Amino acid sequence: MKVFRGSTFKANHPWGAIDIANMGGITTRLHWTDQPYKWHINDGEEVFAVLNGRVEMRYRDAGVEHHTILETGDVFYATVGTEHVAHPIGEARILVIEREGSV
């Protein structure tokens, strides 16, 4: 048993993370960032939950770019093939659940 304090975790660098669990090849990681990630497509599904802060999530659907603001407590679900990029607004702490080794 271990407790992870999502509201106070801070990594050494943007998108740094601590591994929480690996359940049969599905990882759960707590990330801290104050910088955007990069446009990418995961090789599987991804659940992205904002634990603290705000994040502008940009994604492409049929080649058209969209965006939404994720507040604390909001969850973004990326289906297989969803191209997306996260832009934190200030500092953010994010719980990411995805296939092990995914981008």
N, C-alpha and C. Protein backbone atom coordinates (compact mmCIF):
# COMPACT_ATOMS: atom_id res chain seq x y z
N MET A 1 0.85 -1.17 0.00
CA MET A 1 0.00 0.00 0.00
C MET A 1 0.89 1.23 0.00
N LYS A 2 0.52 2.21 -0.80
CA LYS A 2 1.27 3.46 -0.86
C LYS A 2 0.31 4.58 -1.21
N VAL A 3 0.56 5.75 -0.67
CA VAL A 3 -0.25 6.94 -0.96
C VAL A 3 0.58 7.87 -1.84
N PHE A 4 -0.04 8.39 -2.88
CA PHE A 4 0.61 9.34 -3.78
C PHE A 4 -0.12 10.67 -3.63
N ARG A 5 0.59 11.72 -3.32
CA ARG A 5 0.01 13.05 -3.12
C ARG A 5 0.03 13.82 -4.44
N GLY A 6 -1.04 13.68 -5.20
CA GLY A 6 -1.14 14.31 -6.52
C GLY A 6 -1.12 15.82 -6.47
N SER A 7 -1.54 16.41 -5.36
CA SER A 7 -1.61 17.87 -5.29
C SER A 7 -0.25 18.51 -5.02
N THR A 8 0.73 17.73 -4.56
CA THR A 8 2.03 18.31 -4.21
C THR A 8 3.21 17.72 -4.98
N PHE A 9 2.99 16.67 -5.76
CA PHE A 9 4.08 16.05 -6.51
C PHE A 9 4.68 17.04 -7.50
N LYS A 10 6.01 17.08 -7.57
CA LYS A 10 6.70 17.91 -8.56
C LYS A 10 7.91 17.13 -9.06
N ALA A 11 8.01 17.01 -10.37
CA ALA A 11 9.12 16.30 -11.01
C ALA A 11 10.29 17.25 -11.23
N ASN A 12 11.44 16.68 -11.60
CA ASN A 12 12.65 17.46 -11.89
C ASN A 12 12.57 18.19 -13.22
N HIS A 13 11.69 17.71 -14.11
CA HIS A 13 11.59 18.26 -15.46
C HIS A 13 10.16 18.10 -15.95
N PRO A 14 9.75 18.92 -16.94
CA PRO A 14 8.40 18.79 -17.48
C PRO A 14 8.10 17.36 -17.94
N TRP A 15 6.95 16.88 -17.61
CA TRP A 15 6.42 15.56 -17.93
C TRP A 15 7.15 14.44 -17.18
N GLY A 16 7.94 14.83 -16.17
CA GLY A 16 8.50 13.82 -15.29
C GLY A 16 7.37 13.10 -14.56
N ALA A 17 7.59 11.85 -14.19
CA ALA A 17 6.51 11.05 -13.62
C ALA A 17 7.00 10.10 -12.55
N ILE A 18 6.06 9.67 -11.74
CA ILE A 18 6.29 8.54 -10.85
C ILE A 18 5.34 7.43 -11.27
N ASP A 19 5.87 6.22 -11.29
CA ASP A 19 5.06 5.07 -11.64
C ASP A 19 4.23 4.67 -10.42
N ILE A 20 2.94 4.54 -10.64
CA ILE A 20 2.04 4.12 -9.56
C ILE A 20 1.78 2.63 -9.64
N ALA A 21 1.43 2.15 -10.84
CA ALA A 21 1.10 0.73 -10.98
C ALA A 21 1.28 0.28 -12.42
N ASN A 22 1.53 -1.02 -12.56
CA ASN A 22 1.52 -1.68 -13.86
C ASN A 22 0.64 -2.91 -13.67
N MET A 23 -0.54 -2.85 -14.26
CA MET A 23 -1.53 -3.91 -14.08
C MET A 23 -1.69 -4.65 -15.40
N GLY A 24 -0.91 -5.72 -15.55
CA GLY A 24 -1.01 -6.52 -16.75
C GLY A 24 -0.66 -5.76 -18.02
N GLY A 25 0.34 -4.87 -17.95
CA GLY A 25 0.75 -4.12 -19.13
C GLY A 25 0.07 -2.78 -19.30
N ILE A 26 -0.83 -2.42 -18.40
CA ILE A 26 -1.47 -1.11 -18.41
C ILE A 26 -0.85 -0.31 -17.26
N THR A 27 -0.22 0.82 -17.60
CA THR A 27 0.48 1.61 -16.59
C THR A 27 -0.37 2.78 -16.11
N THR A 28 -0.17 3.12 -14.85
CA THR A 28 -0.75 4.31 -14.26
C THR A 28 0.42 5.13 -13.74
N ARG A 29 0.52 6.37 -14.23
CA ARG A 29 1.65 7.24 -13.87
C ARG A 29 1.13 8.62 -13.50
N LEU A 30 1.78 9.23 -12.52
CA LEU A 30 1.47 10.59 -12.11
C LEU A 30 2.54 11.50 -12.71
N HIS A 31 2.10 12.46 -13.55
CA HIS A 31 3.00 13.39 -14.21
C HIS A 31 2.86 14.78 -13.62
N TRP A 32 3.96 15.51 -13.64
CA TRP A 32 3.96 16.94 -13.34
C TRP A 32 4.52 17.64 -14.56
N THR A 33 3.94 18.80 -14.90
CA THR A 33 4.50 19.58 -16.00
C THR A 33 4.08 21.03 -15.90
N ASP A 34 4.88 21.86 -16.54
CA ASP A 34 4.54 23.27 -16.75
C ASP A 34 4.83 23.65 -18.20
N GLN A 35 5.06 22.63 -19.04
CA GLN A 35 5.37 22.83 -20.45
C GLN A 35 4.51 21.90 -21.31
N PRO A 36 4.23 22.30 -22.56
CA PRO A 36 3.48 21.41 -23.45
C PRO A 36 4.24 20.12 -23.72
N TYR A 37 3.49 19.08 -24.11
CA TYR A 37 4.10 17.82 -24.55
C TYR A 37 4.41 17.99 -26.03
N LYS A 38 4.16 16.99 -26.84
CA LYS A 38 4.35 17.06 -28.29
C LYS A 38 3.16 16.36 -28.93
N TRP A 39 2.86 16.74 -30.15
CA TRP A 39 1.79 16.05 -30.87
C TRP A 39 2.18 14.58 -30.97
N HIS A 40 1.22 13.69 -30.67
CA HIS A 40 1.54 12.27 -30.75
C HIS A 40 0.25 11.45 -30.88
N ILE A 41 0.45 10.21 -31.28
CA ILE A 41 -0.63 9.23 -31.35
C ILE A 41 -0.16 8.03 -30.55
N ASN A 42 -0.91 7.67 -29.53
CA ASN A 42 -0.56 6.50 -28.72
C ASN A 42 -0.83 5.23 -29.51
N ASP A 43 -0.15 4.16 -29.14
CA ASP A 43 -0.37 2.88 -29.81
C ASP A 43 -1.54 2.12 -29.19
N GLY A 44 -2.24 2.75 -28.29
CA GLY A 44 -3.43 2.18 -27.66
C GLY A 44 -4.27 3.31 -27.11
N GLU A 45 -5.24 2.96 -26.30
CA GLU A 45 -6.09 3.97 -25.68
C GLU A 45 -5.34 4.66 -24.55
N GLU A 46 -5.80 5.87 -24.18
CA GLU A 46 -5.19 6.61 -23.09
C GLU A 46 -6.27 7.33 -22.30
N VAL A 47 -6.15 7.26 -20.98
CA VAL A 47 -7.00 8.04 -20.08
C VAL A 47 -6.10 9.07 -19.42
N PHE A 48 -6.53 10.32 -19.46
CA PHE A 48 -5.72 11.46 -19.03
C PHE A 48 -6.58 12.26 -18.06
N ALA A 49 -6.27 12.20 -16.76
CA ALA A 49 -7.09 12.85 -15.73
C ALA A 49 -6.29 13.98 -15.06
N VAL A 50 -6.85 15.18 -15.08
CA VAL A 50 -6.20 16.33 -14.45
C VAL A 50 -6.49 16.29 -12.95
N LEU A 51 -5.44 16.10 -12.16
CA LEU A 51 -5.60 16.05 -10.71
C LEU A 51 -5.45 17.42 -10.08
N ASN A 52 -4.66 18.28 -10.73
CA ASN A 52 -4.40 19.60 -10.17
C ASN A 52 -3.99 20.51 -11.31
N GLY A 53 -4.59 21.68 -11.41
CA GLY A 53 -4.26 22.63 -12.46
C GLY A 53 -5.25 22.61 -13.60
N ARG A 54 -4.83 23.18 -14.72
CA ARG A 54 -5.65 23.26 -15.93
C ARG A 54 -4.79 22.90 -17.12
N VAL A 55 -5.40 22.28 -18.12
CA VAL A 55 -4.67 21.84 -19.31
C VAL A 55 -5.52 22.13 -20.54
N GLU A 56 -4.92 22.75 -21.54
CA GLU A 56 -5.59 22.87 -22.83
C GLU A 56 -5.20 21.63 -23.63
N MET A 57 -6.19 20.79 -23.93
CA MET A 57 -5.95 19.59 -24.73
C MET A 57 -6.33 19.91 -26.16
N ARG A 58 -5.37 19.73 -27.05
CA ARG A 58 -5.61 19.90 -28.48
C ARG A 58 -5.62 18.52 -29.11
N TYR A 59 -6.53 18.31 -30.05
CA TYR A 59 -6.62 17.01 -30.71
C TYR A 59 -7.12 17.20 -32.13
N ARG A 60 -6.81 16.23 -32.97
CA ARG A 60 -7.23 16.29 -34.37
C ARG A 60 -8.21 15.17 -34.65
N ASP A 61 -9.29 15.54 -35.31
CA ASP A 61 -10.32 14.60 -35.72
C ASP A 61 -10.57 14.81 -37.21
N ALA A 62 -10.30 13.79 -38.01
CA ALA A 62 -10.44 13.87 -39.47
C ALA A 62 -9.65 15.05 -40.02
N GLY A 63 -8.46 15.30 -39.45
CA GLY A 63 -7.59 16.36 -39.94
C GLY A 63 -7.91 17.75 -39.43
N VAL A 64 -8.99 17.89 -38.67
CA VAL A 64 -9.39 19.20 -38.14
C VAL A 64 -8.96 19.29 -36.67
N GLU A 65 -8.26 20.39 -36.35
CA GLU A 65 -7.79 20.58 -34.98
C GLU A 65 -8.90 21.16 -34.09
N HIS A 66 -9.03 20.58 -32.90
CA HIS A 66 -9.99 21.04 -31.89
C HIS A 66 -9.22 21.25 -30.60
N HIS A 67 -9.85 21.93 -29.66
CA HIS A 67 -9.23 22.09 -28.35
C HIS A 67 -10.32 22.23 -27.29
N THR A 68 -9.94 21.85 -26.08
CA THR A 68 -10.83 21.98 -24.93
C THR A 68 -9.97 22.25 -23.71
N ILE A 69 -10.53 22.97 -22.76
CA ILE A 69 -9.83 23.22 -21.51
C ILE A 69 -10.27 22.17 -20.50
N LEU A 70 -9.30 21.47 -19.94
CA LEU A 70 -9.56 20.48 -18.90
C LEU A 70 -9.24 21.12 -17.55
N GLU A 71 -10.23 21.11 -16.68
CA GLU A 71 -10.08 21.65 -15.33
C GLU A 71 -9.72 20.52 -14.38
N THR A 72 -9.33 20.86 -13.16
CA THR A 72 -9.08 19.85 -12.14
C THR A 72 -10.29 18.92 -12.02
N GLY A 73 -10.03 17.63 -12.11
CA GLY A 73 -11.10 16.64 -12.04
C GLY A 73 -11.61 16.17 -13.38
N ASP A 74 -11.25 16.86 -14.46
CA ASP A 74 -11.70 16.46 -15.79
C ASP A 74 -10.83 15.32 -16.34
N VAL A 75 -11.45 14.52 -17.21
CA VAL A 75 -10.79 13.36 -17.81
C VAL A 75 -10.92 13.44 -19.32
N PHE A 76 -9.81 13.19 -20.02
CA PHE A 76 -9.78 13.12 -21.48
C PHE A 76 -9.50 11.68 -21.86
N TYR A 77 -10.30 11.12 -22.74
CA TYR A 77 -10.11 9.76 -23.22
C TYR A 77 -9.70 9.82 -24.68
N ALA A 78 -8.52 9.31 -24.99
CA ALA A 78 -8.04 9.28 -26.37
C ALA A 78 -8.20 7.85 -26.90
N THR A 79 -9.01 7.71 -27.92
CA THR A 79 -9.17 6.40 -28.56
C THR A 79 -7.92 6.09 -29.38
N VAL A 80 -7.80 4.88 -29.81
CA VAL A 80 -6.67 4.48 -30.65
C VAL A 80 -6.66 5.38 -31.88
N GLY A 81 -5.50 5.97 -32.17
CA GLY A 81 -5.36 6.80 -33.36
C GLY A 81 -5.67 8.27 -33.16
N THR A 82 -6.05 8.69 -31.95
CA THR A 82 -6.35 10.10 -31.70
C THR A 82 -5.04 10.88 -31.55
N GLU A 83 -4.77 11.78 -32.49
CA GLU A 83 -3.59 12.63 -32.40
C GLU A 83 -3.90 13.76 -31.42
N HIS A 84 -3.02 13.99 -30.46
CA HIS A 84 -3.31 14.98 -29.43
C HIS A 84 -2.04 15.54 -28.81
N VAL A 85 -2.19 16.67 -28.13
CA VAL A 85 -1.09 17.31 -27.41
C VAL A 85 -1.68 18.07 -26.23
N ALA A 86 -1.01 17.99 -25.09
CA ALA A 86 -1.47 18.67 -23.88
C ALA A 86 -0.62 19.92 -23.63
N HIS A 87 -1.29 21.03 -23.38
CA HIS A 87 -0.64 22.30 -23.06
C HIS A 87 -1.12 22.73 -21.67
N PRO A 88 -0.29 22.55 -20.63
CA PRO A 88 -0.72 22.99 -19.31
C PRO A 88 -0.82 24.51 -19.26
N ILE A 89 -1.72 24.98 -18.44
CA ILE A 89 -1.87 26.42 -18.20
C ILE A 89 -1.30 26.64 -16.81
N GLY A 90 -0.01 26.98 -16.75
CA GLY A 90 0.71 26.99 -15.48
C GLY A 90 1.15 25.57 -15.16
N GLU A 91 1.25 25.24 -13.88
CA GLU A 91 1.63 23.88 -13.47
C GLU A 91 0.40 22.98 -13.48
N ALA A 92 0.63 21.71 -13.81
CA ALA A 92 -0.46 20.73 -13.78
C ALA A 92 0.08 19.38 -13.33
N ARG A 93 -0.79 18.64 -12.67
CA ARG A 93 -0.49 17.27 -12.27
C ARG A 93 -1.55 16.38 -12.91
N ILE A 94 -1.06 15.37 -13.62
CA ILE A 94 -1.95 14.58 -14.47
C ILE A 94 -1.72 13.10 -14.23
N LEU A 95 -2.80 12.37 -14.09
CA LEU A 95 -2.75 10.91 -13.98
C LEU A 95 -2.98 10.36 -15.37
N VAL A 96 -2.03 9.55 -15.87
CA VAL A 96 -2.14 8.98 -17.21
C VAL A 96 -2.17 7.45 -17.09
N ILE A 97 -3.18 6.87 -17.73
CA ILE A 97 -3.34 5.42 -17.75
C ILE A 97 -3.28 5.00 -19.22
N GLU A 98 -2.31 4.13 -19.53
CA GLU A 98 -2.10 3.73 -20.92
C GLU A 98 -1.31 2.43 -20.99
N ARG A 99 -1.20 1.90 -22.19
CA ARG A 99 -0.43 0.69 -22.41
C ARG A 99 1.04 0.94 -22.10
N GLU A 100 1.67 -0.01 -21.46
CA GLU A 100 3.09 0.09 -21.12
C GLU A 100 3.91 0.38 -22.37
N GLY A 101 4.83 1.34 -22.25
CA GLY A 101 5.71 1.70 -23.37
C GLY A 101 5.10 2.64 -24.37
N SER A 102 3.87 3.08 -24.16
CA SER A 102 3.23 4.00 -25.08
C SER A 102 3.95 5.35 -25.04
N VAL A 103 3.80 6.12 -26.10
CA VAL A 103 4.46 7.44 -26.20
C VAL A 103 3.95 8.34 -25.09
